[in-house]
């Protein structure tokens, strides 16, 4: 639930259209902060957040290796 809301918020912010690296890093840090805060407040959400970040990590590793 929370992860879906976070994804929709990120999508509405047009982050994916941003071409500047600094802005993208700032958005990623903010998403990480929101996910950490949500997992601290609601422990049941922590596993869902962990799954999302694991998938993102896999994609980043794959992109870096190609």
PDB file of N, CA and C in Angstrom:
ATOM      1  N   UNK A   1       0.814  -1.195   0.000  1.00  0.00           N
ATOM      2  CA  UNK A   1       0.000   0.000   0.000  1.00  0.00           C
ATOM      3  C   UNK A   1       0.856   1.256   0.000  1.00  0.00           C
ATOM      4  N   UNK A   2       1.702   1.383   1.017  1.00  0.00           N
ATOM      5  CA  UNK A   2       2.541   2.563   1.146  1.00  0.00           C
ATOM      6  C   UNK A   2       3.527   2.640  -0.017  1.00  0.00           C
ATOM      7  N   UNK A   3       4.056   1.483  -0.409  1.00  0.00           N
ATOM      8  CA  UNK A   3       5.015   1.455  -1.514  1.00  0.00           C
ATOM      9  C   UNK A   3       4.328   1.904  -2.806  1.00  0.00           C
ATOM     10  N   UNK A   4       3.089   1.489  -3.000  1.00  0.00           N
ATOM     11  CA  UNK A   4       2.341   1.906  -4.189  1.00  0.00           C
ATOM     12  C   UNK A   4       2.110   3.408  -4.166  1.00  0.00           C
ATOM     13  N   UNK A   5       1.770   3.936  -3.009  1.00  0.00           N
ATOM     14  CA  UNK A   5       1.566   5.383  -2.897  1.00  0.00           C
ATOM     15  C   UNK A   5       2.860   6.130  -3.168  1.00  0.00           C
ATOM     16  N   UNK A   6       3.967   5.604  -2.632  1.00  0.00           N
ATOM     17  CA  UNK A   6       5.265   6.232  -2.854  1.00  0.00           C
ATOM     18  C   UNK A   6       5.609   6.223  -4.339  1.00  0.00           C
ATOM     19  N   UNK A   7       5.375   5.103  -5.014  1.00  0.00           N
ATOM     20  CA  UNK A   7       5.660   5.013  -6.441  1.00  0.00           C
ATOM     21  C   UNK A   7       4.806   6.006  -7.223  1.00  0.00           C
ATOM     22  N   UNK A   8       3.533   6.125  -6.873  1.00  0.00           N
ATOM     23  CA  UNK A   8       2.662   7.077  -7.570  1.00  0.00           C
ATOM     24  C   UNK A   8       3.118   8.508  -7.334  1.00  0.00           C
ATOM     25  N   UNK A   9       3.561   8.801  -6.121  1.00  0.00           N
ATOM     26  CA  UNK A   9       4.063  10.132  -5.816  1.00  0.00           C
ATOM     27  C   UNK A   9       5.300  10.442  -6.645  1.00  0.00           C
ATOM     28  N   UNK A  10       6.202   9.479  -6.744  1.00  0.00           N
ATOM     29  CA  UNK A  10       7.417   9.658  -7.542  1.00  0.00           C
ATOM     30  C   UNK A  10       7.066   9.828  -9.011  1.00  0.00           C
ATOM     31  N   UNK A  11       6.125   9.038  -9.497  1.00  0.00           N
ATOM     32  CA  UNK A  11       5.726   9.129 -10.903  1.00  0.00           C
ATOM     33  C   UNK A  11       5.080  10.484 -11.204  1.00  0.00           C
ATOM     34  N   UNK A  12       4.281  10.983 -10.269  1.00  0.00           N
ATOM     35  CA  UNK A  12       3.637  12.277 -10.480  1.00  0.00           C
ATOM     36  C   UNK A  12       4.640  13.422 -10.440  1.00  0.00           C
ATOM     37  N   UNK A  13       5.750  13.223  -9.758  1.00  0.00           N
ATOM     38  CA  UNK A  13       6.760  14.274  -9.650  1.00  0.00           C
ATOM     39  C   UNK A  13       7.602  14.385 -10.916  1.00  0.00           C
ATOM     40  N   UNK A  14       7.354  13.535 -11.887  1.00  0.00           N
ATOM     41  CA  UNK A  14       8.053  13.541 -13.173  1.00  0.00           C
ATOM     42  C   UNK A  14       9.553  13.338 -13.005  1.00  0.00           C
ATOM     43  N   UNK A  15       9.923  12.518 -12.045  1.00  0.00           N
ATOM     44  CA  UNK A  15      11.334  12.253 -11.792  1.00  0.00           C
ATOM     45  C   UNK A  15      11.978  11.577 -12.989  1.00  0.00           C
ATOM     46  N   UNK A  16      11.236  10.723 -13.648  1.00  0.00           N
ATOM     47  CA  UNK A  16      11.817   9.944 -14.731  1.00  0.00           C
ATOM     48  C   UNK A  16      12.182  10.813 -15.923  1.00  0.00           C
ATOM     49  N   UNK A  17      11.606  11.997 -16.051  1.00  0.00           N
ATOM     50  CA  UNK A  17      11.915  12.880 -17.166  1.00  0.00           C
ATOM     51  C   UNK A  17      13.106  13.781 -16.864  1.00  0.00           C
ATOM     52  N   UNK A  18      13.537  13.783 -15.632  1.00  0.00           N
ATOM     53  CA  UNK A  18      14.642  14.642 -15.225  1.00  0.00           C
ATOM     54  C   UNK A  18      15.936  14.165 -15.872  1.00  0.00           C
ATOM     55  N   UNK A  19      16.699  15.081 -16.449  1.00  0.00           N
ATOM     56  CA  UNK A  19      17.933  14.744 -17.134  1.00  0.00           C
ATOM     57  C   UNK A  19      19.167  15.068 -16.299  1.00  0.00           C
ATOM     58  N   UNK A  20      19.004  15.789 -15.230  1.00  0.00           N
ATOM     59  CA  UNK A  20      20.153  16.192 -14.438  1.00  0.00           C
ATOM     60  C   UNK A  20      20.393  15.190 -13.321  1.00  0.00           C
ATOM     61  N   UNK A  21      21.623  14.757 -13.161  1.00  0.00           N
ATOM     62  CA  UNK A  21      21.974  13.728 -12.194  1.00  0.00           C
ATOM     63  C   UNK A  21      21.773  14.141 -10.757  1.00  0.00           C
ATOM     64  N   UNK A  22      22.052  15.397 -10.439  1.00  0.00           N
ATOM     65  CA  UNK A  22      21.934  15.854  -9.064  1.00  0.00           C
ATOM     66  C   UNK A  22      20.488  15.753  -8.590  1.00  0.00           C
ATOM     67  N   UNK A  23      19.563  16.176  -9.411  1.00  0.00           N
ATOM     68  CA  UNK A  23      18.155  16.107  -9.036  1.00  0.00           C
ATOM     69  C   UNK A  23      17.722  14.669  -8.807  1.00  0.00           C
ATOM     70  N   UNK A  24      18.180  13.779  -9.668  1.00  0.00           N
ATOM     71  CA  UNK A  24      17.817  12.377  -9.535  1.00  0.00           C
ATOM     72  C   UNK A  24      18.347  11.798  -8.224  1.00  0.00           C
ATOM     73  N   UNK A  25      19.561  12.161  -7.863  1.00  0.00           N
ATOM     74  CA  UNK A  25      20.131  11.682  -6.600  1.00  0.00           C
ATOM     75  C   UNK A  25      19.347  12.226  -5.419  1.00  0.00           C
ATOM     76  N   UNK A  26      18.960  13.489  -5.485  1.00  0.00           N
ATOM     77  CA  UNK A  26      18.180  14.068  -4.394  1.00  0.00           C
ATOM     78  C   UNK A  26      16.833  13.365  -4.255  1.00  0.00           C
ATOM     79  N   UNK A  27      16.192  13.075  -5.367  1.00  0.00           N
ATOM     80  CA  UNK A  27      14.916  12.357  -5.299  1.00  0.00           C
ATOM     81  C   UNK A  27      15.107  10.951  -4.741  1.00  0.00           C
ATOM     82  N   UNK A  28      16.186  10.286  -5.126  1.00  0.00           N
ATOM     83  CA  UNK A  28      16.454   8.943  -4.612  1.00  0.00           C
ATOM     84  C   UNK A  28      16.709   8.974  -3.108  1.00  0.00           C
ATOM     85  N   UNK A  29      17.448   9.954  -2.648  1.00  0.00           N
ATOM     86  CA  UNK A  29      17.680  10.088  -1.209  1.00  0.00           C
ATOM     87  C   UNK A  29      16.377  10.352  -0.460  1.00  0.00           C
ATOM     88  N   UNK A  30      15.528  11.195  -1.032  1.00  0.00           N
ATOM     89  CA  UNK A  30      14.247  11.481  -0.385  1.00  0.00           C
ATOM     90  C   UNK A  30      13.365  10.238  -0.359  1.00  0.00           C
ATOM     91  N   UNK A  31      13.345   9.458  -1.441  1.00  0.00           N
ATOM     92  CA  UNK A  31      12.562   8.220  -1.465  1.00  0.00           C
ATOM     93  C   UNK A  31      13.096   7.242  -0.430  1.00  0.00           C
ATOM     94  N   UNK A  32      14.410   7.164  -0.288  1.00  0.00           N
ATOM     95  CA  UNK A  32      15.000   6.301   0.731  1.00  0.00           C
ATOM     96  C   UNK A  32      14.632   6.752   2.126  1.00  0.00           C
ATOM     97  N   UNK A  33      14.628   8.059   2.358  1.00  0.00           N
ATOM     98  CA  UNK A  33      14.238   8.583   3.669  1.00  0.00           C
ATOM     99  C   UNK A  33      12.780   8.264   3.976  1.00  0.00           C
ATOM    100  N   UNK A  34      11.913   8.470   3.012  1.00  0.00           N
ATOM    101  CA  UNK A  34      10.485   8.174   3.215  1.00  0.00           C
ATOM    102  C   UNK A  34      10.282   6.689   3.487  1.00  0.00           C
ATOM    103  N   UNK A  35      10.985   5.839   2.751  1.00  0.00           N
ATOM    104  CA  UNK A  35      10.861   4.392   2.966  1.00  0.00           C
ATOM    105  C   UNK A  35      11.375   3.999   4.339  1.00  0.00           C
ATOM    106  N   UNK A  36      12.479   4.599   4.772  1.00  0.00           N
ATOM    107  CA  UNK A  36      13.020   4.297   6.100  1.00  0.00           C
ATOM    108  C   UNK A  36      12.066   4.759   7.191  1.00  0.00           C
ATOM    109  N   UNK A  37      11.516   5.939   7.033  1.00  0.00           N
ATOM    110  CA  UNK A  37      10.567   6.446   8.023  1.00  0.00           C
ATOM    111  C   UNK A  37       9.314   5.583   8.063  1.00  0.00           C
ATOM    112  N   UNK A  38       8.823   5.171   6.899  1.00  0.00           N
ATOM    113  CA  UNK A  38       7.622   4.332   6.866  1.00  0.00           C
ATOM    114  C   UNK A  38       7.880   2.978   7.514  1.00  0.00           C
ATOM    115  N   UNK A  39       9.063   2.419   7.291  1.00  0.00           N
ATOM    116  CA  UNK A  39       9.350   1.119   7.893  1.00  0.00           C
ATOM    117  C   UNK A  39       9.550   1.232   9.395  1.00  0.00           C
ATOM    118  N   UNK A  40      10.042   2.385   9.854  1.00  0.00           N
ATOM    119  CA  UNK A  40      10.201   2.585  11.294  1.00  0.00           C
ATOM    120  C   UNK A  40       8.850   2.769  11.975  1.00  0.00           C
ATOM    121  N   UNK A  41       7.948   3.447  11.300  1.00  0.00           N
ATOM    122  CA  UNK A  41       6.629   3.707  11.893  1.00  0.00           C
ATOM    123  C   UNK A  41       5.737   2.480  11.795  1.00  0.00           C
ATOM    124  N   UNK A  42       5.797   1.790  10.675  1.00  0.00           N
ATOM    125  CA  UNK A  42       4.947   0.624  10.454  1.00  0.00           C
ATOM    126  C   UNK A  42       5.818  -0.584  10.131  1.00  0.00           C
ATOM    127  N   UNK A  43       6.170  -1.387  11.126  1.00  0.00           N
ATOM    128  CA  UNK A  43       7.067  -2.520  10.895  1.00  0.00           C
ATOM    129  C   UNK A  43       6.548  -3.525   9.863  1.00  0.00           C
ATOM    130  N   UNK A  44       5.245  -3.624   9.684  1.00  0.00           N
ATOM    131  CA  UNK A  44       4.686  -4.550   8.709  1.00  0.00           C
ATOM    132  C   UNK A  44       5.012  -4.177   7.273  1.00  0.00           C
ATOM    133  N   UNK A  45       5.348  -2.925   7.046  1.00  0.00           N
ATOM    134  CA  UNK A  45       5.654  -2.437   5.711  1.00  0.00           C
ATOM    135  C   UNK A  45       7.123  -2.689   5.359  1.00  0.00           C
ATOM    136  N   UNK A  46       7.934  -2.942   6.366  1.00  0.00           N
ATOM    137  CA  UNK A  46       9.375  -3.082   6.159  1.00  0.00           C
ATOM    138  C   UNK A  46       9.711  -4.182   5.150  1.00  0.00           C
ATOM    139  N   UNK A  47       9.001  -5.295   5.188  1.00  0.00           N
ATOM    140  CA  UNK A  47       9.300  -6.377   4.241  1.00  0.00           C
ATOM    141  C   UNK A  47       8.966  -5.972   2.809  1.00  0.00           C
ATOM    142  N   UNK A  48       7.881  -5.244   2.622  1.00  0.00           N
ATOM    143  CA  UNK A  48       7.527  -4.775   1.273  1.00  0.00           C
ATOM    144  C   UNK A  48       8.560  -3.792   0.743  1.00  0.00           C
ATOM    145  N   UNK A  49       9.024  -2.906   1.598  1.00  0.00           N
ATOM    146  CA  UNK A  49      10.036  -1.935   1.191  1.00  0.00           C
ATOM    147  C   UNK A  49      11.338  -2.646   0.856  1.00  0.00           C
ATOM    148  N   UNK A  50      11.673  -3.644   1.642  1.00  0.00           N
ATOM    149  CA  UNK A  50      12.898  -4.406   1.394  1.00  0.00           C
ATOM    150  C   UNK A  50      12.835  -5.096   0.028  1.00  0.00           C
ATOM    151  N   UNK A  51      11.693  -5.634  -0.323  1.00  0.00           N
ATOM    152  CA  UNK A  51      11.527  -6.296  -1.616  1.00  0.00           C
ATOM    153  C   UNK A  51      11.718  -5.291  -2.760  1.00  0.00           C
ATOM    154  N   UNK A  52      11.144  -4.109  -2.621  1.00  0.00           N
ATOM    155  CA  UNK A  52      11.257  -3.087  -3.664  1.00  0.00           C
ATOM    156  C   UNK A  52      12.713  -2.666  -3.838  1.00  0.00           C
ATOM    157  N   UNK A  53      13.408  -2.399  -2.727  1.00  0.00           N
ATOM    158  CA  UNK A  53      14.799  -1.983  -2.836  1.00  0.00           C
ATOM    159  C   UNK A  53      15.690  -3.107  -3.348  1.00  0.00           C
ATOM    160  N   UNK A  54      15.351  -4.337  -3.054  1.00  0.00           N
ATOM    161  CA  UNK A  54      16.118  -5.459  -3.594  1.00  0.00           C
ATOM    162  C   UNK A  54      15.977  -5.528  -5.109  1.00  0.00           C
ATOM    163  N   UNK A  55      14.763  -5.303  -5.612  1.00  0.00           N
ATOM    164  CA  UNK A  55      14.550  -5.301  -7.059  1.00  0.00           C
ATOM    165  C   UNK A  55      15.295  -4.151  -7.725  1.00  0.00           C
ATOM    166  N   UNK A  56      15.249  -2.977  -7.097  1.00  0.00           N
ATOM    167  CA  UNK A  56      15.972  -1.830  -7.641  1.00  0.00           C
ATOM    168  C   UNK A  56      17.464  -2.108  -7.659  1.00  0.00           C
ATOM    169  N   UNK A  57      17.975  -2.706  -6.589  1.00  0.00           N
ATOM    170  CA  UNK A  57      19.385  -3.046  -6.519  1.00  0.00           C
ATOM    171  C   UNK A  57      19.771  -4.019  -7.634  1.00  0.00           C
ATOM    172  N   UNK A  58      18.936  -5.001  -7.904  1.00  0.00           N
ATOM    173  CA  UNK A  58      19.209  -5.964  -8.968  1.00  0.00           C
ATOM    174  C   UNK A  58      19.280  -5.272 -10.324  1.00  0.00           C
ATOM    175  N   UNK A  59      18.363  -4.350 -10.569  1.00  0.00           N
ATOM    176  CA  UNK A  59      18.350  -3.628 -11.851  1.00  0.00           C
ATOM    177  C   UNK A  59      19.589  -2.759 -11.995  1.00  0.00           C
ATOM    178  N   UNK A  60      19.985  -2.096 -10.917  1.00  0.00           N
ATOM    179  CA  UNK A  60      21.163  -1.235 -10.970  1.00  0.00           C
ATOM    180  C   UNK A  60      22.421  -2.061 -11.224  1.00  0.00           C
ATOM    181  N   UNK A  61      22.539  -3.208 -10.560  1.00  0.00           N
ATOM    182  CA  UNK A  61      23.699  -4.083 -10.769  1.00  0.00           C
ATOM    183  C   UNK A  61      23.724  -4.582 -12.206  1.00  0.00           C
ATOM    184  N   UNK A  62      22.574  -4.952 -12.733  1.00  0.00           N
ATOM    185  CA  UNK A  62      22.503  -5.421 -14.110  1.00  0.00           C
ATOM    186  C   UNK A  62      22.894  -4.317 -15.090  1.00  0.00           C
ATOM    187  N   UNK A  63      22.414  -3.102 -14.835  1.00  0.00           N
ATOM    188  CA  UNK A  63      22.741  -1.982 -15.709  1.00  0.00           C
ATOM    189  C   UNK A  63      24.228  -1.634 -15.641  1.00  0.00           C
ATOM    190  N   UNK A  64      24.809  -1.756 -14.460  1.00  0.00           N
ATOM    191  CA  UNK A  64      26.235  -1.432 -14.304  1.00  0.00           C
ATOM    192  C   UNK A  64      27.117  -2.460 -14.982  1.00  0.00           C
ATOM    193  N   UNK A  65      26.664  -3.698 -15.057  1.00  0.00           N
ATOM    194  CA  UNK A  65      27.486  -4.747 -15.653  1.00  0.00           C
ATOM    195  C   UNK A  65      27.414  -4.769 -17.178  1.00  0.00           C
ATOM    196  N   UNK A  66      26.427  -4.087 -17.754  1.00  0.00           N
ATOM    197  CA  UNK A  66      26.308  -4.113 -19.214  1.00  0.00           C
ATOM    198  C   UNK A  66      26.923  -2.919 -19.882  1.00  0.00           C
TER     199      UNK A  66
END
